[in-house]
Amino acid sequence: MRQNKPVIGITGTIAAGKSTVSRYFRDAYRIPILDADVVGHEVLLEDGVKQELTKAFGSDILNADQKQVDRRKLGKIVFTDAKALNRLNSITHPVICIRIDEAIAKTQEAEPEAPFLLVEAIELLRSPLKDMVQEVWAVCADPQVRIRRIMKRQNLTEAEAVARVQSQWSDEEYSRRAAVVFDGGGDTPALYAQCDRVYARMMERGEGEGHG
């Protein structure tokens, strides 16, 4: 049985470019990516989680047919209220961590040649996920750049985008806790070049075999 390879957590501020970095490692170097945001969306579909969230925030967070959590309605509550956000995280993070842990084990077995795995999670450092990774990478970008991206990507108002930015740590907080910091606020080729340099350093450190 092949030894498990390192699990790297990639995090950072919202709309800084985490997915751009993750996708580049996947496409250029075939690095497996586990996206906690995708897992989080799936977790909201679980009956037990939906019941807990409805109990905490009321049935107004459900969509018109009352069958699913409406993420935009939920977002309007939690991104303007720190206590509400903490309550949301206390309900969803334990389940997300279980699902991610299961996915890591499956991926390690299915892709033994991968030199390392990436777990992309915006709340990595504020959840038990931080104890499941061996190293943390952060992607940061100027707040104004991120606000514009959020407004365009999610069709939100400026006030809604600002609320999401302000609900998180600053770039400095992420940078202080990360072994590698990517600049996601500039042009894409420069970001890709930084990814190449980081990958080369990982290979020099001997992080696995097979994908050099």
N, C-alpha and C. Protein backbone atom coordinates (compact mmCIF):
# COMPACT_ATOMS: atom_id res chain seq x y z
N MET A 1 0.85 -1.20 0.00
CA MET A 1 0.00 0.00 0.00
C MET A 1 0.88 1.24 0.00
N ARG A 2 0.61 2.18 -0.92
CA ARG A 2 1.42 3.38 -1.05
C ARG A 2 1.14 4.33 0.11
N GLN A 3 2.19 4.98 0.58
CA GLN A 3 2.05 5.93 1.68
C GLN A 3 1.20 7.13 1.24
N ASN A 4 0.36 7.60 2.12
CA ASN A 4 -0.46 8.76 1.79
C ASN A 4 0.42 9.98 1.56
N LYS A 5 0.02 10.80 0.61
CA LYS A 5 0.77 12.00 0.26
C LYS A 5 0.25 13.20 1.04
N PRO A 6 1.04 14.27 1.10
CA PRO A 6 0.63 15.45 1.88
C PRO A 6 -0.69 16.04 1.38
N VAL A 7 -1.44 16.58 2.33
CA VAL A 7 -2.67 17.29 2.01
C VAL A 7 -2.42 18.77 2.29
N ILE A 8 -2.55 19.59 1.26
CA ILE A 8 -2.31 21.02 1.37
C ILE A 8 -3.65 21.74 1.41
N GLY A 9 -3.82 22.62 2.37
CA GLY A 9 -5.03 23.42 2.42
C GLY A 9 -4.82 24.74 1.72
N ILE A 10 -5.71 25.09 0.81
CA ILE A 10 -5.61 26.37 0.11
C ILE A 10 -6.81 27.22 0.51
N THR A 11 -6.52 28.42 1.04
CA THR A 11 -7.56 29.26 1.59
C THR A 11 -7.29 30.71 1.21
N GLY A 12 -7.98 31.62 1.84
CA GLY A 12 -7.78 33.03 1.54
C GLY A 12 -9.10 33.77 1.50
N THR A 13 -9.02 35.04 1.22
CA THR A 13 -10.19 35.89 1.22
C THR A 13 -11.11 35.56 0.05
N ILE A 14 -12.38 35.89 0.19
CA ILE A 14 -13.38 35.60 -0.83
C ILE A 14 -13.05 36.32 -2.14
N ALA A 15 -13.18 35.61 -3.24
CA ALA A 15 -12.95 36.15 -4.59
C ALA A 15 -11.52 36.61 -4.83
N ALA A 16 -10.58 36.03 -4.07
CA ALA A 16 -9.17 36.39 -4.27
C ALA A 16 -8.53 35.59 -5.40
N GLY A 17 -9.10 34.44 -5.72
CA GLY A 17 -8.53 33.62 -6.80
C GLY A 17 -8.16 32.22 -6.38
N LYS A 18 -8.75 31.72 -5.29
CA LYS A 18 -8.42 30.38 -4.81
C LYS A 18 -8.71 29.32 -5.87
N SER A 19 -9.88 29.42 -6.49
CA SER A 19 -10.26 28.42 -7.49
C SER A 19 -9.38 28.50 -8.73
N THR A 20 -8.93 29.70 -9.07
CA THR A 20 -8.02 29.85 -10.21
C THR A 20 -6.72 29.10 -9.95
N VAL A 21 -6.20 29.25 -8.74
CA VAL A 21 -4.97 28.55 -8.36
C VAL A 21 -5.21 27.04 -8.34
N SER A 22 -6.29 26.61 -7.71
CA SER A 22 -6.58 25.18 -7.62
C SER A 22 -6.73 24.55 -8.99
N ARG A 23 -7.50 25.21 -9.86
CA ARG A 23 -7.72 24.66 -11.20
C ARG A 23 -6.42 24.57 -11.99
N TYR A 24 -5.53 25.54 -11.79
CA TYR A 24 -4.26 25.49 -12.51
C TYR A 24 -3.43 24.28 -12.07
N PHE A 25 -3.36 24.04 -10.78
CA PHE A 25 -2.63 22.86 -10.29
C PHE A 25 -3.27 21.58 -10.81
N ARG A 26 -4.59 21.56 -10.88
CA ARG A 26 -5.28 20.38 -11.41
C ARG A 26 -4.98 20.19 -12.90
N ASP A 27 -5.10 21.25 -13.67
CA ASP A 27 -4.97 21.14 -15.12
C ASP A 27 -3.52 21.00 -15.58
N ALA A 28 -2.62 21.72 -14.93
CA ALA A 28 -1.21 21.69 -15.35
C ALA A 28 -0.45 20.50 -14.79
N TYR A 29 -0.81 20.08 -13.57
CA TYR A 29 -0.02 19.06 -12.89
C TYR A 29 -0.84 17.87 -12.40
N ARG A 30 -2.13 17.84 -12.73
CA ARG A 30 -3.02 16.74 -12.34
C ARG A 30 -3.08 16.54 -10.82
N ILE A 31 -3.07 17.63 -10.11
CA ILE A 31 -3.19 17.56 -8.65
C ILE A 31 -4.67 17.44 -8.28
N PRO A 32 -5.06 16.43 -7.51
CA PRO A 32 -6.47 16.29 -7.11
C PRO A 32 -6.92 17.46 -6.23
N ILE A 33 -8.12 17.95 -6.49
CA ILE A 33 -8.67 19.08 -5.75
C ILE A 33 -9.95 18.64 -5.05
N LEU A 34 -10.05 18.95 -3.77
CA LEU A 34 -11.28 18.76 -3.02
C LEU A 34 -11.79 20.14 -2.63
N ASP A 35 -12.96 20.50 -3.09
CA ASP A 35 -13.51 21.85 -2.88
C ASP A 35 -14.53 21.83 -1.75
N ALA A 36 -14.16 22.43 -0.62
CA ALA A 36 -15.05 22.43 0.54
C ALA A 36 -16.31 23.24 0.28
N ASP A 37 -16.25 24.22 -0.62
CA ASP A 37 -17.44 25.00 -0.95
C ASP A 37 -18.48 24.12 -1.63
N VAL A 38 -18.03 23.28 -2.55
CA VAL A 38 -18.93 22.34 -3.22
C VAL A 38 -19.52 21.37 -2.20
N VAL A 39 -18.66 20.86 -1.32
CA VAL A 39 -19.13 19.95 -0.27
C VAL A 39 -20.14 20.66 0.63
N GLY A 40 -19.86 21.93 0.93
CA GLY A 40 -20.78 22.70 1.77
C GLY A 40 -22.15 22.85 1.14
N HIS A 41 -22.19 23.06 -0.17
CA HIS A 41 -23.48 23.14 -0.86
C HIS A 41 -24.22 21.81 -0.79
N GLU A 42 -23.48 20.72 -0.92
CA GLU A 42 -24.10 19.39 -0.84
C GLU A 42 -24.62 19.12 0.57
N VAL A 43 -23.88 19.58 1.57
CA VAL A 43 -24.28 19.37 2.95
C VAL A 43 -25.61 20.08 3.24
N LEU A 44 -25.83 21.24 2.63
CA LEU A 44 -27.08 21.97 2.85
C LEU A 44 -28.30 21.19 2.36
N LEU A 45 -28.06 20.21 1.49
CA LEU A 45 -29.16 19.39 0.97
C LEU A 45 -29.52 18.24 1.91
N GLU A 46 -28.66 17.98 2.90
CA GLU A 46 -28.92 16.88 3.83
C GLU A 46 -30.05 17.26 4.80
N ASP A 47 -30.96 16.35 5.01
CA ASP A 47 -32.14 16.64 5.83
C ASP A 47 -31.77 17.09 7.24
N GLY A 48 -30.80 16.41 7.85
CA GLY A 48 -30.43 16.76 9.22
C GLY A 48 -29.89 18.18 9.33
N VAL A 49 -29.07 18.57 8.38
CA VAL A 49 -28.50 19.92 8.37
C VAL A 49 -29.60 20.94 8.11
N LYS A 50 -30.48 20.65 7.16
CA LYS A 50 -31.58 21.57 6.85
C LYS A 50 -32.46 21.81 8.09
N GLN A 51 -32.72 20.74 8.83
CA GLN A 51 -33.54 20.88 10.03
C GLN A 51 -32.85 21.74 11.08
N GLU A 52 -31.54 21.53 11.27
CA GLU A 52 -30.80 22.33 12.24
C GLU A 52 -30.77 23.80 11.84
N LEU A 53 -30.58 24.06 10.56
CA LEU A 53 -30.53 25.45 10.09
C LEU A 53 -31.89 26.12 10.21
N THR A 54 -32.94 25.38 9.91
CA THR A 54 -34.29 25.93 10.03
C THR A 54 -34.61 26.24 11.49
N LYS A 55 -34.16 25.38 12.38
CA LYS A 55 -34.35 25.61 13.81
C LYS A 55 -33.60 26.86 14.26
N ALA A 56 -32.41 27.06 13.70
CA ALA A 56 -31.57 28.19 14.11
C ALA A 56 -32.01 29.51 13.49
N PHE A 57 -32.43 29.48 12.22
CA PHE A 57 -32.67 30.73 11.49
C PHE A 57 -34.11 30.92 11.00
N GLY A 58 -34.95 29.92 11.20
CA GLY A 58 -36.34 30.03 10.78
C GLY A 58 -36.58 29.51 9.38
N SER A 59 -37.83 29.26 9.06
CA SER A 59 -38.18 28.67 7.76
C SER A 59 -38.04 29.66 6.61
N ASP A 60 -37.81 30.94 6.91
CA ASP A 60 -37.65 31.93 5.85
C ASP A 60 -36.40 31.68 5.01
N ILE A 61 -35.47 30.86 5.51
CA ILE A 61 -34.25 30.58 4.74
C ILE A 61 -34.49 29.52 3.67
N LEU A 62 -35.68 28.92 3.66
CA LEU A 62 -35.97 27.88 2.68
C LEU A 62 -36.49 28.50 1.38
N ASN A 63 -36.36 27.76 0.30
CA ASN A 63 -36.86 28.25 -0.98
C ASN A 63 -38.38 28.14 -1.04
N ALA A 64 -38.95 28.50 -2.18
CA ALA A 64 -40.41 28.62 -2.28
C ALA A 64 -41.15 27.33 -1.95
N ASP A 65 -40.59 26.20 -2.33
CA ASP A 65 -41.29 24.93 -2.05
C ASP A 65 -40.92 24.33 -0.70
N GLN A 66 -40.10 25.07 0.07
CA GLN A 66 -39.72 24.66 1.43
C GLN A 66 -38.89 23.38 1.47
N LYS A 67 -38.32 22.98 0.36
CA LYS A 67 -37.59 21.72 0.31
C LYS A 67 -36.08 21.89 0.48
N GLN A 68 -35.56 23.06 0.14
CA GLN A 68 -34.12 23.28 0.20
C GLN A 68 -33.80 24.62 0.83
N VAL A 69 -32.58 24.71 1.38
CA VAL A 69 -32.10 25.97 1.92
C VAL A 69 -31.73 26.88 0.75
N ASP A 70 -32.24 28.10 0.79
CA ASP A 70 -31.90 29.11 -0.22
C ASP A 70 -30.62 29.81 0.25
N ARG A 71 -29.52 29.56 -0.43
CA ARG A 71 -28.22 30.06 0.04
C ARG A 71 -28.16 31.59 0.04
N ARG A 72 -28.84 32.22 -0.88
CA ARG A 72 -28.82 33.69 -0.90
C ARG A 72 -29.57 34.25 0.31
N LYS A 73 -30.72 33.67 0.64
CA LYS A 73 -31.46 34.12 1.82
C LYS A 73 -30.64 33.90 3.08
N LEU A 74 -30.01 32.73 3.17
CA LEU A 74 -29.17 32.44 4.33
C LEU A 74 -28.00 33.41 4.40
N GLY A 75 -27.41 33.70 3.24
CA GLY A 75 -26.27 34.61 3.18
C GLY A 75 -26.60 36.00 3.68
N LYS A 76 -27.80 36.48 3.38
CA LYS A 76 -28.19 37.82 3.83
C LYS A 76 -28.24 37.91 5.35
N ILE A 77 -28.48 36.77 5.99
CA ILE A 77 -28.52 36.74 7.45
C ILE A 77 -27.11 36.65 8.03
N VAL A 78 -26.35 35.68 7.57
CA VAL A 78 -25.08 35.37 8.24
C VAL A 78 -23.94 36.31 7.89
N PHE A 79 -23.99 36.96 6.72
CA PHE A 79 -22.88 37.82 6.35
C PHE A 79 -23.00 39.23 6.91
N THR A 80 -24.07 39.49 7.66
CA THR A 80 -24.20 40.78 8.33
C THR A 80 -24.30 40.61 9.85
N ASP A 81 -24.10 39.41 10.32
CA ASP A 81 -24.25 39.11 11.75
C ASP A 81 -23.22 38.05 12.14
N ALA A 82 -22.19 38.46 12.85
CA ALA A 82 -21.10 37.54 13.19
C ALA A 82 -21.59 36.36 14.01
N LYS A 83 -22.53 36.60 14.93
CA LYS A 83 -23.05 35.51 15.74
C LYS A 83 -23.80 34.50 14.89
N ALA A 84 -24.55 35.00 13.91
CA ALA A 84 -25.28 34.11 13.02
C ALA A 84 -24.32 33.29 12.17
N LEU A 85 -23.24 33.92 11.72
CA LEU A 85 -22.25 33.20 10.92
C LEU A 85 -21.59 32.11 11.75
N ASN A 86 -21.28 32.43 12.99
CA ASN A 86 -20.69 31.41 13.87
C ASN A 86 -21.66 30.25 14.11
N ARG A 87 -22.94 30.58 14.22
CA ARG A 87 -23.95 29.54 14.41
C ARG A 87 -24.03 28.65 13.18
N LEU A 88 -24.02 29.27 12.00
CA LEU A 88 -24.03 28.50 10.75
C LEU A 88 -22.84 27.56 10.71
N ASN A 89 -21.66 28.10 11.01
CA ASN A 89 -20.44 27.30 10.95
C ASN A 89 -20.47 26.15 11.95
N SER A 90 -21.04 26.40 13.13
CA SER A 90 -21.09 25.34 14.14
C SER A 90 -21.98 24.18 13.70
N ILE A 91 -22.94 24.47 12.83
CA ILE A 91 -23.83 23.42 12.33
C ILE A 91 -23.22 22.69 11.14
N THR A 92 -22.64 23.45 10.22
CA THR A 92 -22.19 22.85 8.96
C THR A 92 -20.76 22.33 8.98
N HIS A 93 -19.86 23.00 9.71
CA HIS A 93 -18.44 22.61 9.65
C HIS A 93 -18.18 21.16 10.06
N PRO A 94 -18.79 20.66 11.15
CA PRO A 94 -18.51 19.26 11.51
C PRO A 94 -18.89 18.28 10.41
N VAL A 95 -20.02 18.52 9.75
CA VAL A 95 -20.46 17.62 8.68
C VAL A 95 -19.54 17.75 7.47
N ILE A 96 -19.18 18.99 7.13
CA ILE A 96 -18.27 19.21 6.00
C ILE A 96 -16.94 18.50 6.25
N CYS A 97 -16.43 18.58 7.47
CA CYS A 97 -15.14 17.94 7.79
C CYS A 97 -15.22 16.42 7.62
N ILE A 98 -16.33 15.84 8.03
CA ILE A 98 -16.50 14.39 7.86
C ILE A 98 -16.48 14.04 6.38
N ARG A 99 -17.21 14.80 5.58
CA ARG A 99 -17.27 14.53 4.14
C ARG A 99 -15.90 14.73 3.48
N ILE A 100 -15.18 15.76 3.88
CA ILE A 100 -13.85 16.01 3.32
C ILE A 100 -12.89 14.90 3.71
N ASP A 101 -12.96 14.46 4.97
CA ASP A 101 -12.08 13.38 5.43
C ASP A 101 -12.33 12.11 4.63
N GLU A 102 -13.59 11.82 4.37
CA GLU A 102 -13.93 10.65 3.55
C GLU A 102 -13.39 10.81 2.13
N ALA A 103 -13.52 12.02 1.59
CA ALA A 103 -13.05 12.27 0.22
C ALA A 103 -11.54 12.20 0.12
N ILE A 104 -10.83 12.66 1.15
CA ILE A 104 -9.36 12.56 1.15
C ILE A 104 -8.94 11.10 1.08
N ALA A 105 -9.56 10.26 1.90
CA ALA A 105 -9.20 8.84 1.92
C ALA A 105 -9.47 8.20 0.56
N LYS A 106 -10.61 8.51 -0.04
CA LYS A 106 -10.94 7.94 -1.35
C LYS A 106 -9.97 8.42 -2.42
N THR A 107 -9.61 9.70 -2.36
CA THR A 107 -8.72 10.27 -3.38
C THR A 107 -7.31 9.72 -3.24
N GLN A 108 -6.84 9.57 -2.01
CA GLN A 108 -5.52 8.99 -1.78
C GLN A 108 -5.44 7.60 -2.39
N GLU A 109 -6.52 6.84 -2.26
CA GLU A 109 -6.54 5.48 -2.79
C GLU A 109 -6.69 5.47 -4.31
N ALA A 110 -7.51 6.37 -4.83
CA ALA A 110 -7.80 6.37 -6.27
C ALA A 110 -6.67 6.99 -7.10
N GLU A 111 -5.92 7.91 -6.50
CA GLU A 111 -4.87 8.61 -7.25
C GLU A 111 -3.54 8.55 -6.49
N PRO A 112 -2.98 7.36 -6.36
CA PRO A 112 -1.75 7.19 -5.56
C PRO A 112 -0.53 7.87 -6.15
N GLU A 113 -0.56 8.21 -7.44
CA GLU A 113 0.59 8.85 -8.06
C GLU A 113 0.64 10.35 -7.82
N ALA A 114 -0.43 10.93 -7.33
CA ALA A 114 -0.44 12.37 -7.09
C ALA A 114 0.57 12.73 -6.00
N PRO A 115 1.44 13.72 -6.25
CA PRO A 115 2.45 14.08 -5.25
C PRO A 115 1.86 14.72 -4.00
N PHE A 116 0.70 15.36 -4.15
CA PHE A 116 0.00 15.93 -3.00
C PHE A 116 -1.44 16.20 -3.40
N LEU A 117 -2.28 16.50 -2.42
CA LEU A 117 -3.69 16.85 -2.65
C LEU A 117 -3.92 18.27 -2.19
N LEU A 118 -4.87 18.95 -2.84
CA LEU A 118 -5.27 20.28 -2.41
C LEU A 118 -6.70 20.24 -1.88
N VAL A 119 -6.90 20.81 -0.71
CA VAL A 119 -8.25 21.01 -0.17
C VAL A 119 -8.51 22.51 -0.17
N GLU A 120 -9.43 22.95 -1.02
CA GLU A 120 -9.75 24.38 -1.12
C GLU A 120 -10.90 24.70 -0.17
N ALA A 121 -10.66 25.63 0.76
CA ALA A 121 -11.69 25.94 1.76
C ALA A 121 -11.51 27.36 2.26
N ILE A 122 -12.52 28.19 2.06
CA ILE A 122 -12.42 29.57 2.48
C ILE A 122 -12.36 29.69 4.01
N GLU A 123 -12.98 28.75 4.72
CA GLU A 123 -13.00 28.78 6.18
C GLU A 123 -11.99 27.80 6.78
N LEU A 124 -11.01 27.42 6.01
CA LEU A 124 -10.05 26.40 6.45
C LEU A 124 -9.47 26.70 7.83
N LEU A 125 -8.99 27.92 8.04
CA LEU A 125 -8.29 28.24 9.27
C LEU A 125 -9.22 28.49 10.45
N ARG A 126 -10.52 28.56 10.18
CA ARG A 126 -11.49 28.76 11.25
C ARG A 126 -12.39 27.54 11.43
N SER A 127 -11.89 26.40 11.01
CA SER A 127 -12.67 25.17 11.15
C SER A 127 -11.72 24.02 11.47
N PRO A 128 -12.26 22.87 11.86
CA PRO A 128 -11.41 21.70 12.13
C PRO A 128 -10.63 21.22 10.91
N LEU A 129 -10.95 21.74 9.73
CA LEU A 129 -10.20 21.34 8.53
C LEU A 129 -8.72 21.67 8.65
N LYS A 130 -8.40 22.69 9.43
CA LYS A 130 -6.99 23.08 9.56
C LYS A 130 -6.15 21.96 10.16
N ASP A 131 -6.78 21.09 10.93
CA ASP A 131 -6.05 19.97 11.54
C ASP A 131 -5.94 18.77 10.61
N MET A 132 -6.55 18.87 9.42
CA MET A 132 -6.52 17.77 8.46
C MET A 132 -5.51 18.00 7.35
N VAL A 133 -4.84 19.16 7.37
CA VAL A 133 -3.86 19.47 6.33
C VAL A 133 -2.48 19.61 6.95
N GLN A 134 -1.46 19.37 6.13
CA GLN A 134 -0.08 19.46 6.61
C GLN A 134 0.54 20.84 6.37
N GLU A 135 -0.06 21.61 5.47
CA GLU A 135 0.47 22.93 5.15
C GLU A 135 -0.67 23.79 4.63
N VAL A 136 -0.56 25.10 4.84
CA VAL A 136 -1.60 26.03 4.40
C VAL A 136 -1.03 26.99 3.37
N TRP A 137 -1.75 27.14 2.25
CA TRP A 137 -1.44 28.16 1.26
C TRP A 137 -2.60 29.16 1.25
N ALA A 138 -2.30 30.43 1.06
CA ALA A 138 -3.34 31.46 1.02
C ALA A 138 -3.28 32.23 -0.30
N VAL A 139 -4.44 32.60 -0.80
CA VAL A 139 -4.54 33.45 -1.99
C VAL A 139 -5.19 34.75 -1.54
N CYS A 140 -4.53 35.87 -1.81
CA CYS A 140 -5.00 37.17 -1.36
C CYS A 140 -5.11 38.14 -2.53
N ALA A 141 -5.92 39.18 -2.36
CA ALA A 141 -6.09 40.20 -3.40
C ALA A 141 -6.66 41.45 -2.75
N ASP A 142 -6.46 42.57 -3.39
CA ASP A 142 -6.96 43.85 -2.89
C ASP A 142 -8.49 43.79 -2.68
N PRO A 143 -8.98 44.33 -1.57
CA PRO A 143 -10.41 44.25 -1.28
C PRO A 143 -11.30 44.82 -2.39
N GLN A 144 -10.89 45.92 -3.01
CA GLN A 144 -11.71 46.51 -4.07
C GLN A 144 -11.82 45.58 -5.28
N VAL A 145 -10.73 44.88 -5.57
CA VAL A 145 -10.75 43.89 -6.66
C VAL A 145 -11.75 42.79 -6.32
N ARG A 146 -11.71 42.35 -5.09
CA ARG A 146 -12.60 41.25 -4.67
C ARG A 146 -14.06 41.68 -4.67
N ILE A 147 -14.33 42.90 -4.24
CA ILE A 147 -15.70 43.40 -4.24
C ILE A 147 -16.26 43.43 -5.66
N ARG A 148 -15.47 43.92 -6.60
CA ARG A 148 -15.93 43.94 -8.00
C ARG A 148 -16.19 42.53 -8.52
N ARG A 149 -15.31 41.61 -8.17
CA ARG A 149 -15.49 40.22 -8.62
C ARG A 149 -16.76 39.61 -8.03
N ILE A 150 -17.00 39.85 -6.75
CA ILE A 150 -18.18 39.29 -6.10
C ILE A 150 -19.46 39.83 -6.74
N MET A 151 -19.49 41.14 -6.98
CA MET A 151 -20.67 41.75 -7.58
C MET A 151 -20.96 41.15 -8.95
N LYS A 152 -19.91 40.94 -9.73
CA LYS A 152 -20.09 40.41 -11.08
C LYS A 152 -20.44 38.92 -11.05
N ARG A 153 -19.72 38.17 -10.22
CA ARG A 153 -19.87 36.72 -10.20
C ARG A 153 -21.18 36.27 -9.58
N GLN A 154 -21.60 36.94 -8.53
CA GLN A 154 -22.78 36.50 -7.79
C GLN A 154 -23.99 37.41 -7.97
N ASN A 155 -23.83 38.44 -8.82
CA ASN A 155 -24.93 39.37 -9.09
C ASN A 155 -25.46 39.98 -7.79
N LEU A 156 -24.53 40.45 -6.96
CA LEU A 156 -24.89 41.06 -5.69
C LEU A 156 -24.72 42.58 -5.77
N THR A 157 -25.37 43.28 -4.86
CA THR A 157 -25.16 44.72 -4.75
C THR A 157 -23.79 44.98 -4.12
N GLU A 158 -23.34 46.22 -4.22
CA GLU A 158 -22.05 46.55 -3.61
C GLU A 158 -22.10 46.35 -2.09
N ALA A 159 -23.21 46.72 -1.48
CA ALA A 159 -23.35 46.55 -0.03
C ALA A 159 -23.27 45.08 0.36
N GLU A 160 -23.91 44.21 -0.42
CA GLU A 160 -23.86 42.77 -0.13
C GLU A 160 -22.44 42.24 -0.31
N ALA A 161 -21.75 42.71 -1.34
CA ALA A 161 -20.37 42.26 -1.58
C ALA A 161 -19.45 42.73 -0.46
N VAL A 162 -19.62 43.97 -0.04
CA VAL A 162 -18.80 44.51 1.05
C VAL A 162 -19.04 43.72 2.33
N ALA A 163 -20.29 43.35 2.59
CA ALA A 163 -20.61 42.58 3.80
C ALA A 163 -19.88 41.25 3.79
N ARG A 164 -19.79 40.61 2.65
CA ARG A 164 -19.08 39.33 2.55
C ARG A 164 -17.59 39.52 2.81
N VAL A 165 -17.04 40.57 2.25
CA VAL A 165 -15.61 40.84 2.46
C VAL A 165 -15.33 41.14 3.93
N GLN A 166 -16.19 41.94 4.54
CA GLN A 166 -15.96 42.34 5.93
C GLN A 166 -16.24 41.23 6.93
N SER A 167 -16.92 40.17 6.49
CA SER A 167 -17.22 39.06 7.40
C SER A 167 -16.01 38.15 7.59
N GLN A 168 -14.95 38.39 6.82
CA GLN A 168 -13.79 37.51 6.85
C GLN A 168 -12.57 38.19 7.46
N TRP A 169 -11.55 37.39 7.68
CA TRP A 169 -10.27 37.94 8.07
C TRP A 169 -9.71 38.81 6.95
N SER A 170 -8.76 39.65 7.33
CA SER A 170 -8.04 40.45 6.33
C SER A 170 -6.99 39.60 5.64
N ASP A 171 -6.45 40.12 4.53
CA ASP A 171 -5.36 39.43 3.85
C ASP A 171 -4.19 39.19 4.80
N GLU A 172 -3.94 40.15 5.68
CA GLU A 172 -2.81 40.03 6.60
C GLU A 172 -2.97 38.84 7.53
N GLU A 173 -4.20 38.61 7.98
CA GLU A 173 -4.45 37.48 8.88
C GLU A 173 -4.18 36.16 8.17
N TYR A 174 -4.62 36.06 6.92
CA TYR A 174 -4.36 34.83 6.15
C TYR A 174 -2.87 34.67 5.88
N SER A 175 -2.23 35.76 5.46
CA SER A 175 -0.81 35.69 5.09
C SER A 175 0.05 35.26 6.27
N ARG A 176 -0.32 35.73 7.46
CA ARG A 176 0.47 35.43 8.65
C ARG A 176 0.45 33.95 9.00
N ARG A 177 -0.61 33.28 8.59
CA ARG A 177 -0.78 31.87 8.94
C ARG A 177 -0.41 30.90 7.82
N ALA A 178 0.00 31.42 6.68
CA ALA A 178 0.23 30.58 5.51
C ALA A 178 1.71 30.37 5.22
N ALA A 179 2.04 29.18 4.75
CA ALA A 179 3.41 28.88 4.33
C ALA A 179 3.71 29.49 2.97
N VAL A 180 2.68 29.61 2.13
CA VAL A 180 2.80 30.20 0.79
C VAL A 180 1.65 31.18 0.61
N VAL A 181 1.95 32.36 0.05
CA VAL A 181 0.92 33.36 -0.23
C VAL A 181 0.94 33.68 -1.72
N PHE A 182 -0.19 33.48 -2.38
CA PHE A 182 -0.33 33.79 -3.81
C PHE A 182 -0.99 35.16 -3.96
N ASP A 183 -0.53 35.92 -4.95
CA ASP A 183 -1.14 37.21 -5.27
C ASP A 183 -2.19 37.00 -6.34
N GLY A 184 -3.45 36.98 -5.92
CA GLY A 184 -4.54 36.75 -6.86
C GLY A 184 -5.15 38.02 -7.42
N GLY A 185 -4.55 39.16 -7.12
CA GLY A 185 -5.14 40.42 -7.56
C GLY A 185 -4.58 40.96 -8.86
N GLY A 186 -3.53 40.32 -9.38
CA GLY A 186 -2.90 40.81 -10.60
C GLY A 186 -3.37 40.05 -11.82
N ASP A 187 -2.48 39.97 -12.83
CA ASP A 187 -2.88 39.28 -14.05
C ASP A 187 -2.69 37.78 -13.90
N THR A 188 -3.48 37.04 -14.66
CA THR A 188 -3.50 35.58 -14.55
C THR A 188 -2.17 34.92 -14.90
N PRO A 189 -1.48 35.33 -15.97
CA PRO A 189 -0.18 34.70 -16.27
C PRO A 189 0.82 34.79 -15.12
N ALA A 190 0.82 35.92 -14.42
CA ALA A 190 1.74 36.08 -13.29
C ALA A 190 1.36 35.12 -12.16
N LEU A 191 0.07 34.94 -11.96
CA LEU A 191 -0.40 34.01 -10.93
C LEU A 191 -0.01 32.58 -11.29
N TYR A 192 -0.18 32.22 -12.57
CA TYR A 192 0.20 30.88 -13.02
C TYR A 192 1.70 30.66 -12.85
N ALA A 193 2.49 31.69 -13.13
CA ALA A 193 3.94 31.57 -12.98
C ALA A 193 4.32 31.32 -11.52
N GLN A 194 3.60 31.96 -10.61
CA GLN A 194 3.86 31.70 -9.19
C GLN A 194 3.49 30.27 -8.83
N CYS A 195 2.40 29.78 -9.40
CA CYS A 195 2.01 28.38 -9.17
C CYS A 195 3.12 27.43 -9.65
N ASP A 196 3.69 27.73 -10.80
CA ASP A 196 4.78 26.89 -11.33
C ASP A 196 5.97 26.87 -10.38
N ARG A 197 6.30 28.03 -9.83
CA ARG A 197 7.44 28.09 -8.90
C ARG A 197 7.15 27.30 -7.63
N VAL A 198 5.94 27.40 -7.14
CA VAL A 198 5.57 26.66 -5.92
C VAL A 198 5.60 25.16 -6.19
N TYR A 199 5.09 24.74 -7.34
CA TYR A 199 5.11 23.32 -7.68
C TYR A 199 6.55 22.83 -7.77
N ALA A 200 7.42 23.60 -8.39
CA ALA A 200 8.83 23.20 -8.51
C ALA A 200 9.46 23.03 -7.14
N ARG A 201 9.14 23.93 -6.21
CA ARG A 201 9.69 23.81 -4.86
C ARG A 201 9.15 22.57 -4.15
N MET A 202 7.88 22.27 -4.38
CA MET A 202 7.31 21.06 -3.79
C MET A 202 8.04 19.82 -4.29
N MET A 203 8.36 19.79 -5.57
CA MET A 203 9.07 18.64 -6.13
C MET A 203 10.50 18.56 -5.60
N GLU A 204 11.12 19.71 -5.41
CA GLU A 204 12.47 19.72 -4.84
C GLU A 204 12.47 19.20 -3.41
N ARG A 205 11.37 19.45 -2.70
CA ARG A 205 11.24 18.95 -1.33
C ARG A 205 10.95 17.46 -1.31
N GLY A 206 10.65 16.90 -2.47
CA GLY A 206 10.36 15.46 -2.53
C GLY A 206 8.97 15.10 -2.12
N GLU A 207 7.99 15.99 -2.42
CA GLU A 207 6.59 15.71 -2.05
C GLU A 207 5.99 14.73 -3.05
N GLY A 208 6.35 13.48 -2.92
CA GLY A 208 5.73 12.46 -3.75
C GLY A 208 6.52 12.16 -5.00
N GLU A 209 5.96 11.28 -5.80
CA GLU A 209 6.59 10.82 -7.02
C GLU A 209 5.57 10.85 -8.15
N GLY A 210 6.07 10.75 -9.35
CA GLY A 210 5.18 10.41 -10.45
C GLY A 210 4.70 11.56 -11.28
N HIS A 211 4.52 12.77 -10.71
CA HIS A 211 3.97 13.87 -11.50
C HIS A 211 5.04 14.91 -11.78
N GLY A 212 6.28 14.62 -11.67
CA GLY A 212 7.30 15.61 -11.93
C GLY A 212 7.44 15.82 -13.40
